Amino acid sequence: MPKRILQGVVTSNQNQQTVTVLVERRFKHPLLQKTVRKSKKYRAHDEHNAFNVGDSVRIQECAPKSKTKRWEVIAE
């Protein structure tokens, strides 16, 4: 099964080898037909602490690295 890839913005890099990525998705409301924006934060593994707050990154699913980390940053 292919791994999912998402794109988002780094909102935090306070922890070692971890970044928090805010991923926003847009969809049309089924009843109101209005465009709705929803966002979700993912914690992703950043091996070399290379990314800073505000960077646009792509993250990919991976095997669990810790209790909360299930994603890793793809080098951009």
N, C-alpha and C. Protein backbone atom coordinates (compact mmCIF):
# COMPACT_ATOMS: atom_id res chain seq x y z
N MET A 1 0.84 -1.18 0.00
CA MET A 1 0.00 0.00 0.00
C MET A 1 0.89 1.24 0.00
N PRO A 2 0.60 2.23 -0.85
CA PRO A 2 1.45 3.42 -0.92
C PRO A 2 1.32 4.27 0.34
N LYS A 3 2.40 4.97 0.65
CA LYS A 3 2.40 5.83 1.83
C LYS A 3 1.78 7.17 1.47
N ARG A 4 1.00 7.72 2.40
CA ARG A 4 0.38 9.01 2.17
C ARG A 4 1.43 10.11 2.30
N ILE A 5 1.30 11.14 1.48
CA ILE A 5 2.17 12.31 1.54
C ILE A 5 1.29 13.53 1.70
N LEU A 6 1.60 14.36 2.70
CA LEU A 6 0.85 15.59 2.96
C LEU A 6 1.79 16.77 2.92
N GLN A 7 1.24 17.96 2.65
CA GLN A 7 2.05 19.18 2.63
C GLN A 7 1.51 20.14 3.66
N GLY A 8 2.42 20.79 4.39
CA GLY A 8 1.99 21.73 5.42
C GLY A 8 3.10 22.68 5.81
N VAL A 9 2.85 23.43 6.89
CA VAL A 9 3.78 24.45 7.36
C VAL A 9 4.24 24.08 8.77
N VAL A 10 5.55 24.22 9.02
CA VAL A 10 6.10 23.92 10.34
C VAL A 10 5.65 24.99 11.32
N THR A 11 5.03 24.57 12.43
CA THR A 11 4.58 25.53 13.45
C THR A 11 5.44 25.47 14.70
N SER A 12 6.22 24.40 14.88
CA SER A 12 7.07 24.29 16.06
C SER A 12 8.23 23.36 15.77
N ASN A 13 9.41 23.73 16.28
CA ASN A 13 10.58 22.85 16.18
C ASN A 13 11.32 22.82 17.51
N GLN A 14 10.58 22.94 18.61
CA GLN A 14 11.17 23.03 19.95
C GLN A 14 11.85 21.72 20.38
N ASN A 15 11.30 20.59 19.96
CA ASN A 15 11.85 19.31 20.42
C ASN A 15 12.94 18.81 19.49
N GLN A 16 13.86 18.02 20.04
CA GLN A 16 14.93 17.44 19.25
C GLN A 16 14.35 16.46 18.22
N GLN A 17 14.75 16.59 16.98
CA GLN A 17 14.40 15.69 15.88
C GLN A 17 12.89 15.59 15.66
N THR A 18 12.14 16.60 16.06
CA THR A 18 10.69 16.58 15.87
C THR A 18 10.21 17.95 15.44
N VAL A 19 9.31 17.98 14.47
CA VAL A 19 8.65 19.22 14.08
C VAL A 19 7.15 18.99 14.12
N THR A 20 6.41 20.05 14.41
CA THR A 20 4.96 20.01 14.36
C THR A 20 4.54 20.67 13.06
N VAL A 21 3.76 19.97 12.25
CA VAL A 21 3.37 20.45 10.93
C VAL A 21 1.86 20.65 10.89
N LEU A 22 1.44 21.84 10.48
CA LEU A 22 0.02 22.15 10.34
C LEU A 22 -0.38 21.90 8.89
N VAL A 23 -1.29 20.94 8.69
CA VAL A 23 -1.76 20.59 7.35
C VAL A 23 -3.20 21.08 7.21
N GLU A 24 -3.44 21.88 6.17
CA GLU A 24 -4.77 22.43 5.95
C GLU A 24 -5.40 21.75 4.73
N ARG A 25 -6.67 21.39 4.87
CA ARG A 25 -7.37 20.82 3.72
C ARG A 25 -8.63 21.64 3.48
N ARG A 26 -9.04 21.71 2.23
CA ARG A 26 -10.23 22.45 1.84
C ARG A 26 -11.20 21.49 1.16
N PHE A 27 -12.48 21.66 1.48
CA PHE A 27 -13.49 20.84 0.85
C PHE A 27 -14.80 21.62 0.83
N LYS A 28 -15.69 21.17 0.01
CA LYS A 28 -16.99 21.82 -0.11
C LYS A 28 -17.96 21.19 0.90
N HIS A 29 -18.65 22.02 1.66
CA HIS A 29 -19.63 21.53 2.64
C HIS A 29 -20.75 20.81 1.88
N PRO A 30 -21.13 19.61 2.32
CA PRO A 30 -22.10 18.83 1.55
C PRO A 30 -23.47 19.49 1.41
N LEU A 31 -23.90 20.22 2.42
CA LEU A 31 -25.23 20.83 2.37
C LEU A 31 -25.18 22.29 1.92
N LEU A 32 -24.27 23.05 2.48
CA LEU A 32 -24.22 24.49 2.20
C LEU A 32 -23.44 24.85 0.94
N GLN A 33 -22.65 23.90 0.42
CA GLN A 33 -21.86 24.11 -0.78
C GLN A 33 -20.85 25.26 -0.63
N LYS A 34 -20.45 25.51 0.61
CA LYS A 34 -19.47 26.55 0.89
C LYS A 34 -18.11 25.88 1.09
N THR A 35 -17.04 26.52 0.66
CA THR A 35 -15.71 25.97 0.86
C THR A 35 -15.33 26.11 2.33
N VAL A 36 -14.94 24.98 2.93
CA VAL A 36 -14.58 24.94 4.34
C VAL A 36 -13.10 24.61 4.46
N ARG A 37 -12.40 25.30 5.38
CA ARG A 37 -10.99 25.01 5.64
C ARG A 37 -10.88 24.30 6.97
N LYS A 38 -10.25 23.13 6.97
CA LYS A 38 -9.99 22.41 8.21
C LYS A 38 -8.49 22.19 8.30
N SER A 39 -7.97 22.23 9.51
CA SER A 39 -6.54 22.01 9.68
C SER A 39 -6.30 20.99 10.78
N LYS A 40 -5.16 20.34 10.70
CA LYS A 40 -4.78 19.33 11.68
C LYS A 40 -3.27 19.38 11.84
N LYS A 41 -2.81 19.15 13.06
CA LYS A 41 -1.37 19.17 13.33
C LYS A 41 -0.84 17.74 13.41
N TYR A 42 0.30 17.52 12.79
CA TYR A 42 0.98 16.23 12.83
C TYR A 42 2.38 16.44 13.39
N ARG A 43 2.85 15.49 14.19
CA ARG A 43 4.23 15.54 14.66
C ARG A 43 5.04 14.62 13.77
N ALA A 44 6.13 15.18 13.23
CA ALA A 44 6.92 14.45 12.23
C ALA A 44 8.38 14.40 12.65
N HIS A 45 9.05 13.33 12.26
CA HIS A 45 10.46 13.12 12.58
C HIS A 45 11.33 13.93 11.62
N ASP A 46 12.24 14.72 12.20
CA ASP A 46 13.19 15.55 11.43
C ASP A 46 14.59 15.18 11.90
N GLU A 47 15.21 14.24 11.21
CA GLU A 47 16.47 13.63 11.64
C GLU A 47 17.57 14.65 11.97
N HIS A 48 17.74 15.66 11.12
CA HIS A 48 18.87 16.58 11.26
C HIS A 48 18.48 17.95 11.79
N ASN A 49 17.29 18.10 12.34
CA ASN A 49 16.81 19.40 12.84
C ASN A 49 16.98 20.49 11.79
N ALA A 50 16.61 20.19 10.56
CA ALA A 50 16.89 21.07 9.43
C ALA A 50 15.80 22.11 9.18
N PHE A 51 14.61 21.94 9.74
CA PHE A 51 13.49 22.80 9.39
C PHE A 51 13.13 23.74 10.52
N ASN A 52 12.76 24.97 10.15
CA ASN A 52 12.41 26.01 11.12
C ASN A 52 10.95 26.38 10.99
N VAL A 53 10.46 27.15 11.95
CA VAL A 53 9.06 27.60 11.94
C VAL A 53 8.80 28.41 10.68
N GLY A 54 7.69 28.11 10.00
CA GLY A 54 7.32 28.83 8.79
C GLY A 54 7.73 28.13 7.50
N ASP A 55 8.57 27.11 7.59
CA ASP A 55 9.00 26.38 6.39
C ASP A 55 7.84 25.53 5.87
N SER A 56 7.72 25.45 4.55
CA SER A 56 6.74 24.58 3.92
C SER A 56 7.41 23.23 3.68
N VAL A 57 6.81 22.17 4.20
CA VAL A 57 7.42 20.84 4.11
C VAL A 57 6.41 19.81 3.64
N ARG A 58 6.93 18.67 3.19
CA ARG A 58 6.09 17.52 2.86
C ARG A 58 6.41 16.43 3.87
N ILE A 59 5.37 15.75 4.36
CA ILE A 59 5.57 14.67 5.31
C ILE A 59 4.99 13.39 4.74
N GLN A 60 5.59 12.27 5.16
CA GLN A 60 5.19 10.96 4.64
C GLN A 60 4.97 10.01 5.80
N GLU A 61 3.98 9.14 5.65
CA GLU A 61 3.70 8.13 6.67
C GLU A 61 4.91 7.23 6.87
N CYS A 62 5.08 6.76 8.11
CA CYS A 62 6.16 5.81 8.38
C CYS A 62 5.76 4.95 9.57
N ALA A 63 6.58 3.99 9.90
CA ALA A 63 6.35 3.17 11.09
C ALA A 63 6.46 4.06 12.32
N PRO A 64 5.75 3.74 13.39
CA PRO A 64 5.79 4.58 14.59
C PRO A 64 7.21 4.77 15.13
N LYS A 65 7.58 6.04 15.34
CA LYS A 65 8.91 6.36 15.89
C LYS A 65 8.82 6.63 17.38
N SER A 66 7.66 7.04 17.86
CA SER A 66 7.43 7.27 19.29
C SER A 66 5.93 7.21 19.53
N LYS A 67 5.51 7.63 20.72
CA LYS A 67 4.08 7.58 21.06
C LYS A 67 3.25 8.44 20.11
N THR A 68 3.76 9.58 19.70
CA THR A 68 2.97 10.51 18.88
C THR A 68 3.46 10.65 17.45
N LYS A 69 4.67 10.19 17.15
CA LYS A 69 5.24 10.40 15.81
C LYS A 69 4.97 9.22 14.89
N ARG A 70 4.20 9.46 13.83
CA ARG A 70 3.90 8.45 12.82
C ARG A 70 4.26 8.95 11.43
N TRP A 71 4.91 10.10 11.34
CA TRP A 71 5.23 10.75 10.08
C TRP A 71 6.70 11.15 10.09
N GLU A 72 7.27 11.29 8.88
CA GLU A 72 8.64 11.79 8.77
C GLU A 72 8.69 12.83 7.67
N VAL A 73 9.59 13.80 7.82
CA VAL A 73 9.72 14.89 6.86
C VAL A 73 10.50 14.39 5.66
N ILE A 74 10.01 14.69 4.46
CA ILE A 74 10.73 14.39 3.23
C ILE A 74 11.59 15.61 2.92
N ALA A 75 12.86 15.41 2.64
CA ALA A 75 13.78 16.52 2.37
C ALA A 75 13.28 17.35 1.21
N GLU A 76 13.26 18.67 1.38
CA GLU A 76 12.79 19.58 0.33
C GLU A 76 13.92 20.46 -0.11
